[in-house]
PDB file of all heavy atoms in Angstrom:
ATOM      1  N   ALA A   1     134.909  42.881  86.917  1.00  0.00           N
ATOM      2  CA  ALA A   1     135.272  43.452  85.616  1.00  0.00           C
ATOM      3  C   ALA A   1     136.038  44.765  85.800  1.00  0.00           C
ATOM      4  O   ALA A   1     136.937  45.080  85.017  1.00  0.00           O
ATOM      5  CB  ALA A   1     134.024  43.678  84.767  1.00  0.00           C
ATOM      6  N   LEU A   2     135.689  45.519  86.837  1.00  0.00           N
ATOM      7  CA  LEU A   2     136.421  46.759  87.149  1.00  0.00           C
ATOM      8  C   LEU A   2     137.811  46.453  87.690  1.00  0.00           C
ATOM      9  O   LEU A   2     138.781  47.103  87.333  1.00  0.00           O
ATOM     10  CB  LEU A   2     135.680  47.580  88.206  1.00  0.00           C
ATOM     11  CG  LEU A   2     134.533  48.446  87.794  1.00  0.00           C
ATOM     12  CD1 LEU A   2     133.979  49.181  89.000  1.00  0.00           C
ATOM     13  CD2 LEU A   2     134.936  49.420  86.717  1.00  0.00           C
ATOM     14  N   ASP A   3     137.861  45.490  88.613  1.00  0.00           N
ATOM     15  CA  ASP A   3     139.124  45.133  89.264  1.00  0.00           C
ATOM     16  C   ASP A   3     138.969  43.743  89.865  1.00  0.00           C
ATOM     17  O   ASP A   3     138.241  43.574  90.844  1.00  0.00           O
ATOM     18  CB  ASP A   3     139.451  46.140  90.370  1.00  0.00           C
ATOM     19  CG  ASP A   3     140.749  45.811  91.100  1.00  0.00           C
ATOM     20  OD1 ASP A   3     141.423  44.812  90.758  1.00  0.00           O
ATOM     21  OD2 ASP A   3     141.081  46.560  92.023  1.00  0.00           O
ATOM     22  N   PRO A   4     139.628  42.752  89.303  1.00  0.00           N
ATOM     23  CA  PRO A   4     139.506  41.389  89.828  1.00  0.00           C
ATOM     24  C   PRO A   4     139.911  41.268  91.304  1.00  0.00           C
ATOM     25  O   PRO A   4     139.514  40.324  91.971  1.00  0.00           O
ATOM     26  CB  PRO A   4     140.446  40.563  88.950  1.00  0.00           C
ATOM     27  CG  PRO A   4     140.624  41.361  87.706  1.00  0.00           C
ATOM     28  CD  PRO A   4     140.488  42.810  88.114  1.00  0.00           C
ATOM     29  N   ALA A   5     140.678  42.219  91.805  1.00  0.00           N
ATOM     30  CA  ALA A   5     141.132  42.183  93.201  1.00  0.00           C
ATOM     31  C   ALA A   5     140.345  43.151  94.089  1.00  0.00           C
ATOM     32  O   ALA A   5     140.815  43.530  95.157  1.00  0.00           O
ATOM     33  CB  ALA A   5     142.626  42.494  93.273  1.00  0.00           C
ATOM     34  N   TYR A   6     139.112  43.550  93.661  1.00  0.00           N
ATOM     35  CA  TYR A   6     138.318  44.455  94.498  1.00  0.00           C
ATOM     36  C   TYR A   6     138.125  43.830  95.879  1.00  0.00           C
ATOM     37  O   TYR A   6     138.163  42.612  96.040  1.00  0.00           O
ATOM     38  CB  TYR A   6     136.962  44.768  93.853  1.00  0.00           C
ATOM     39  CG  TYR A   6     135.917  43.692  94.067  1.00  0.00           C
ATOM     40  CD1 TYR A   6     135.077  43.722  95.179  1.00  0.00           C
ATOM     41  CD2 TYR A   6     135.771  42.642  93.173  1.00  0.00           C
ATOM     42  CE1 TYR A   6     134.130  42.736  95.386  1.00  0.00           C
ATOM     43  CE2 TYR A   6     134.830  41.645  93.376  1.00  0.00           C
ATOM     44  CZ  TYR A   6     134.014  41.697  94.485  1.00  0.00           C
ATOM     45  OH  TYR A   6     133.078  40.719  94.704  1.00  0.00           O
ATOM     46  N   ARG A   7     137.908  44.665  96.889  1.00  0.00           N
ATOM     47  CA  ARG A   7     137.666  44.178  98.250  1.00  0.00           C
ATOM     48  C   ARG A   7     136.443  44.866  98.831  1.00  0.00           C
ATOM     49  O   ARG A   7     136.288  46.075  98.714  1.00  0.00           O
ATOM     50  CB  ARG A   7     138.865  44.476  99.164  1.00  0.00           C
ATOM     51  CG  ARG A   7     140.078  43.641  98.881  1.00  0.00           C
ATOM     52  CD  ARG A   7     141.240  43.942  99.819  1.00  0.00           C
ATOM     53  NE  ARG A   7     141.622  45.356  99.827  1.00  0.00           N
ATOM     54  CZ  ARG A   7     141.375  46.213 100.827  1.00  0.00           C
ATOM     55  NH1 ARG A   7     140.778  45.825 101.919  1.00  0.00           N
ATOM     56  NH2 ARG A   7     141.764  47.470 100.737  1.00  0.00           N
ATOM     57  N   VAL A   8     135.600  44.082  99.480  1.00  0.00           N
ATOM     58  CA  VAL A   8     134.449  44.625 100.191  1.00  0.00           C
ATOM     59  C   VAL A   8     134.920  45.123 101.551  1.00  0.00           C
ATOM     60  O   VAL A   8     135.602  44.410 102.278  1.00  0.00           O
ATOM     61  CB  VAL A   8     133.353  43.544 100.366  1.00  0.00           C
ATOM     62  CG1 VAL A   8     132.253  44.035 101.283  1.00  0.00           C
ATOM     63  CG2 VAL A   8     132.799  43.144  99.009  1.00  0.00           C
ATOM     64  N   GLU A   9     134.562  46.344 101.858  1.00  0.00           N
ATOM     65  CA  GLU A   9     134.919  46.924 103.145  1.00  0.00           C
ATOM     66  C   GLU A   9     133.815  46.706 104.173  1.00  0.00           C
ATOM     67  O   GLU A   9     134.078  46.405 105.329  1.00  0.00           O
ATOM     68  CB  GLU A   9     135.180  48.421 102.963  1.00  0.00           C
ATOM     69  CG  GLU A   9     135.791  49.096 104.149  1.00  0.00           C
ATOM     70  CD  GLU A   9     136.268  50.480 103.783  1.00  0.00           C
ATOM     71  OE1 GLU A   9     135.428  51.410 103.815  1.00  0.00           O
ATOM     72  OE2 GLU A   9     137.453  50.621 103.447  1.00  0.00           O
ATOM     73  N   GLU A  10     132.566  46.870 103.732  1.00  0.00           N
ATOM     74  CA  GLU A  10     131.411  46.648 104.604  1.00  0.00           C
ATOM     75  C   GLU A  10     130.323  45.949 103.812  1.00  0.00           C
ATOM     76  O   GLU A  10     130.132  46.223 102.639  1.00  0.00           O
ATOM     77  CB  GLU A  10     130.870  47.973 105.142  1.00  0.00           C
ATOM     78  CG  GLU A  10     131.818  48.694 106.063  1.00  0.00           C
ATOM     79  CD  GLU A  10     131.226  49.996 106.587  1.00  0.00           C
ATOM     80  OE1 GLU A  10     130.002  50.059 106.794  1.00  0.00           O
ATOM     81  OE2 GLU A  10     132.000  50.934 106.770  1.00  0.00           O
ATOM     82  N   PHE A  11     129.622  45.040 104.488  1.00  0.00           N
ATOM     83  CA  PHE A  11     128.530  44.308 103.855  1.00  0.00           C
ATOM     84  C   PHE A  11     127.477  44.026 104.903  1.00  0.00           C
ATOM     85  O   PHE A  11     127.796  43.587 105.998  1.00  0.00           O
ATOM     86  CB  PHE A  11     129.030  42.972 103.282  1.00  0.00           C
ATOM     87  CG  PHE A  11     127.967  42.212 102.542  1.00  0.00           C
ATOM     88  CD1 PHE A  11     127.886  42.295 101.171  1.00  0.00           C
ATOM     89  CD2 PHE A  11     127.050  41.421 103.210  1.00  0.00           C
ATOM     90  CE1 PHE A  11     126.907  41.599 100.477  1.00  0.00           C
ATOM     91  CE2 PHE A  11     126.064  40.730 102.538  1.00  0.00           C
ATOM     92  CZ  PHE A  11     125.990  40.819 101.164  1.00  0.00           C
ATOM     93  N   GLY A  12     126.223  44.286 104.573  1.00  0.00           N
ATOM     94  CA  GLY A  12     125.153  43.977 105.505  1.00  0.00           C
ATOM     95  C   GLY A  12     123.814  44.446 104.964  1.00  0.00           C
ATOM     96  O   GLY A  12     123.661  44.733 103.774  1.00  0.00           O
ATOM     97  N   THR A  13     122.858  44.509 105.864  1.00  0.00           N
ATOM     98  CA  THR A  13     121.540  45.022 105.522  1.00  0.00           C
ATOM     99  C   THR A  13     121.232  46.198 106.432  1.00  0.00           C
ATOM    100  O   THR A  13     121.688  46.249 107.581  1.00  0.00           O
ATOM    101  CB  THR A  13     120.447  43.942 105.680  1.00  0.00           C
ATOM    102  OG1 THR A  13     120.441  43.485 107.023  1.00  0.00           O
ATOM    103  CG2 THR A  13     120.691  42.772 104.744  1.00  0.00           C
ATOM    104  N   GLN A  14     120.482  47.120 105.900  1.00  0.00           N
ATOM    105  CA  GLN A  14     120.066  48.278 106.671  1.00  0.00           C
ATOM    106  C   GLN A  14     118.786  48.808 106.055  1.00  0.00           C
ATOM    107  O   GLN A  14     118.673  48.902 104.828  1.00  0.00           O
ATOM    108  CB  GLN A  14     121.157  49.349 106.646  1.00  0.00           C
ATOM    109  CG  GLN A  14     120.868  50.526 107.532  1.00  0.00           C
ATOM    110  CD  GLN A  14     122.019  51.520 107.522  1.00  0.00           C
ATOM    111  OE1 GLN A  14     122.787  51.597 106.576  1.00  0.00           O
ATOM    112  NE2 GLN A  14     122.125  52.276 108.584  1.00  0.00           N
ATOM    113  N   LEU A  15     117.827  49.119 106.896  1.00  0.00           N
ATOM    114  CA  LEU A  15     116.547  49.653 106.442  1.00  0.00           C
ATOM    115  C   LEU A  15     115.889  48.767 105.392  1.00  0.00           C
ATOM    116  O   LEU A  15     115.237  49.233 104.476  1.00  0.00           O
ATOM    117  CB  LEU A  15     116.720  51.083 105.922  1.00  0.00           C
ATOM    118  CG  LEU A  15     117.321  52.073 106.905  1.00  0.00           C
ATOM    119  CD1 LEU A  15     117.554  53.423 106.236  1.00  0.00           C
ATOM    120  CD2 LEU A  15     116.443  52.227 108.142  1.00  0.00           C
ATOM    121  N   GLY A  16     116.089  47.463 105.518  1.00  0.00           N
ATOM    122  CA  GLY A  16     115.420  46.499 104.656  1.00  0.00           C
ATOM    123  C   GLY A  16     116.129  46.148 103.368  1.00  0.00           C
ATOM    124  O   GLY A  16     115.653  45.321 102.610  1.00  0.00           O
ATOM    125  N   GLY A  17     117.264  46.772 103.088  1.00  0.00           N
ATOM    126  CA  GLY A  17     117.978  46.497 101.843  1.00  0.00           C
ATOM    127  C   GLY A  17     119.446  46.207 102.082  1.00  0.00           C
ATOM    128  O   GLY A  17     119.943  46.307 103.203  1.00  0.00           O
ATOM    129  N   LEU A  18     120.110  45.836 101.008  1.00  0.00           N
ATOM    130  CA  LEU A  18     121.548  45.583 101.064  1.00  0.00           C
ATOM    131  C   LEU A  18     122.317  46.876 101.271  1.00  0.00           C
ATOM    132  O   LEU A  18     121.901  47.928 100.790  1.00  0.00           O
ATOM    133  CB  LEU A  18     122.034  44.991  99.738  1.00  0.00           C
ATOM    134  CG  LEU A  18     121.803  43.532  99.475  1.00  0.00           C
ATOM    135  CD1 LEU A  18     122.154  43.216  98.018  1.00  0.00           C
ATOM    136  CD2 LEU A  18     122.629  42.679 100.413  1.00  0.00           C
ATOM    137  N   ARG A  19     123.454  46.779 101.924  1.00  0.00           N
ATOM    138  CA  ARG A  19     124.401  47.888 102.035  1.00  0.00           C
ATOM    139  C   ARG A  19     125.786  47.299 101.815  1.00  0.00           C
ATOM    140  O   ARG A  19     126.226  46.424 102.561  1.00  0.00           O
ATOM    141  CB  ARG A  19     124.331  48.582 103.395  1.00  0.00           C
ATOM    142  CG  ARG A  19     122.996  49.251 103.676  1.00  0.00           C
ATOM    143  CD  ARG A  19     122.643  50.324 102.635  1.00  0.00           C
ATOM    144  NE  ARG A  19     121.313  50.865 102.847  1.00  0.00           N
ATOM    145  CZ  ARG A  19     120.224  50.533 102.156  1.00  0.00           C
ATOM    146  NH1 ARG A  19     120.313  49.646 101.189  1.00  0.00           N
ATOM    147  NH2 ARG A  19     119.065  51.080 102.420  1.00  0.00           N
ATOM    148  N   VAL A  20     126.436  47.756 100.759  1.00  0.00           N
ATOM    149  CA  VAL A  20     127.752  47.232 100.381  1.00  0.00           C
ATOM    150  C   VAL A  20     128.686  48.411 100.143  1.00  0.00           C
ATOM    151  O   VAL A  20     128.339  49.355  99.443  1.00  0.00           O
ATOM    152  CB  VAL A  20     127.680  46.380  99.089  1.00  0.00           C
ATOM    153  CG1 VAL A  20     129.049  45.831  98.719  1.00  0.00           C
ATOM    154  CG2 VAL A  20     126.665  45.257  99.231  1.00  0.00           C
ATOM    155  N   SER A  21     129.864  48.325 100.719  1.00  0.00           N
ATOM    156  CA  SER A  21     130.889  49.346 100.525  1.00  0.00           C
ATOM    157  C   SER A  21     132.155  48.661 100.050  1.00  0.00           C
ATOM    158  O   SER A  21     132.626  47.700 100.661  1.00  0.00           O
ATOM    159  CB  SER A  21     131.142  50.083 101.842  1.00  0.00           C
ATOM    160  OG  SER A  21     132.197  50.999 101.701  1.00  0.00           O
ATOM    161  N   VAL A  22     132.700  49.160  98.950  1.00  0.00           N
ATOM    162  CA  VAL A  22     133.929  48.602  98.379  1.00  0.00           C
ATOM    163  C   VAL A  22     135.107  49.449  98.849  1.00  0.00           C
ATOM    164  O   VAL A  22     135.037  50.678  98.877  1.00  0.00           O
ATOM    165  CB  VAL A  22     133.847  48.578  96.834  1.00  0.00           C
ATOM    166  CG1 VAL A  22     135.156  48.119  96.210  1.00  0.00           C
ATOM    167  CG2 VAL A  22     132.701  47.679  96.389  1.00  0.00           C
ATOM    168  N   ALA A  23     136.180  48.776  99.220  1.00  0.00           N
ATOM    169  CA  ALA A  23     137.374  49.472  99.701  1.00  0.00           C
ATOM    170  C   ALA A  23     137.972  50.342  98.599  1.00  0.00           C
ATOM    171  O   ALA A  23     137.926  49.992  97.414  1.00  0.00           O
ATOM    172  CB  ALA A  23     138.410  48.455 100.181  1.00  0.00           C
ATOM    173  N   ASP A  24     138.522  51.473  99.007  1.00  0.00           N
ATOM    174  CA  ASP A  24     139.202  52.357  98.065  1.00  0.00           C
ATOM    175  C   ASP A  24     140.401  51.651  97.462  1.00  0.00           C
ATOM    176  O   ASP A  24     140.977  50.735  98.044  1.00  0.00           O
ATOM    177  CB  ASP A  24     139.672  53.631  98.774  1.00  0.00           C
ATOM    178  CG  ASP A  24     138.506  54.515  99.188  1.00  0.00           C
ATOM    179  OD1 ASP A  24     137.460  54.472  98.505  1.00  0.00           O
ATOM    180  OD2 ASP A  24     138.647  55.252 100.178  1.00  0.00           O
ATOM    181  N   ARG A  25     140.767  52.107  96.294  1.00  0.00           N
ATOM    182  CA  ARG A  25     141.908  51.539  95.590  1.00  0.00           C
ATOM    183  C   ARG A  25     142.906  52.661  95.332  1.00  0.00           C
ATOM    184  O   ARG A  25     142.525  53.791  95.073  1.00  0.00           O
ATOM    185  CB  ARG A  25     141.428  50.931  94.273  1.00  0.00           C
ATOM    186  CG  ARG A  25     142.497  50.197  93.518  1.00  0.00           C
ATOM    187  CD  ARG A  25     141.919  49.504  92.326  1.00  0.00           C
ATOM    188  NE  ARG A  25     141.791  50.469  91.240  1.00  0.00           N
ATOM    189  CZ  ARG A  25     141.463  50.141  89.997  1.00  0.00           C
ATOM    190  NH1 ARG A  25     141.184  48.903  89.693  1.00  0.00           N
ATOM    191  NH2 ARG A  25     141.379  51.048  89.065  1.00  0.00           N
ATOM    192  N   PHE A  26     144.160  52.320  95.418  1.00  0.00           N
ATOM    193  CA  PHE A  26     145.225  53.294  95.192  1.00  0.00           C
ATOM    194  C   PHE A  26     146.131  52.769  94.091  1.00  0.00           C
ATOM    195  O   PHE A  26     146.503  51.596  94.089  1.00  0.00           O
ATOM    196  CB  PHE A  26     146.026  53.526  96.475  1.00  0.00           C
ATOM    197  CG  PHE A  26     145.202  54.167  97.549  1.00  0.00           C
ATOM    198  CD1 PHE A  26     144.412  53.403  98.391  1.00  0.00           C
ATOM    199  CD2 PHE A  26     145.191  55.542  97.696  1.00  0.00           C
ATOM    200  CE1 PHE A  26     143.624  53.990  99.365  1.00  0.00           C
ATOM    201  CE2 PHE A  26     144.407  56.142  98.666  1.00  0.00           C
ATOM    202  CZ  PHE A  26     143.624  55.375  99.509  1.00  0.00           C
ATOM    203  N   GLU A  27     146.459  53.605  93.142  1.00  0.00           N
ATOM    204  CA  GLU A  27     147.363  53.263  92.041  1.00  0.00           C
ATOM    205  C   GLU A  27     148.603  54.134  92.174  1.00  0.00           C
ATOM    206  O   GLU A  27     148.503  55.363  92.178  1.00  0.00           O
ATOM    207  CB  GLU A  27     146.693  53.515  90.687  1.00  0.00           C
ATOM    208  CG  GLU A  27     145.518  52.600  90.411  1.00  0.00           C
ATOM    209  CD  GLU A  27     145.913  51.154  90.281  1.00  0.00           C
ATOM    210  OE1 GLU A  27     147.041  50.861  89.857  1.00  0.00           O
ATOM    211  OE2 GLU A  27     145.078  50.301  90.616  1.00  0.00           O
ATOM    212  N   ALA A  28     149.752  53.500  92.297  1.00  0.00           N
ATOM    213  CA  ALA A  28     151.033  54.210  92.439  1.00  0.00           C
ATOM    214  C   ALA A  28     150.955  55.235  93.571  1.00  0.00           C
ATOM    215  O   ALA A  28     151.444  56.350  93.456  1.00  0.00           O
ATOM    216  CB  ALA A  28     151.417  54.867  91.117  1.00  0.00           C
ATOM    217  N   GLY A  29     150.272  54.857  94.651  1.00  0.00           N
ATOM    218  CA  GLY A  29     150.167  55.727  95.811  1.00  0.00           C
ATOM    219  C   GLY A  29     149.098  56.797  95.710  1.00  0.00           C
ATOM    220  O   GLY A  29     148.886  57.563  96.643  1.00  0.00           O
TER     221      GLY A  29
END
């Protein structure tokens, strides 16, 4: 809903829970 073209940069588990990082987005540089 924020951005249909979002990209996951990192995904995994750590310390028993999910860890997800979304790639930065740049608009007009």
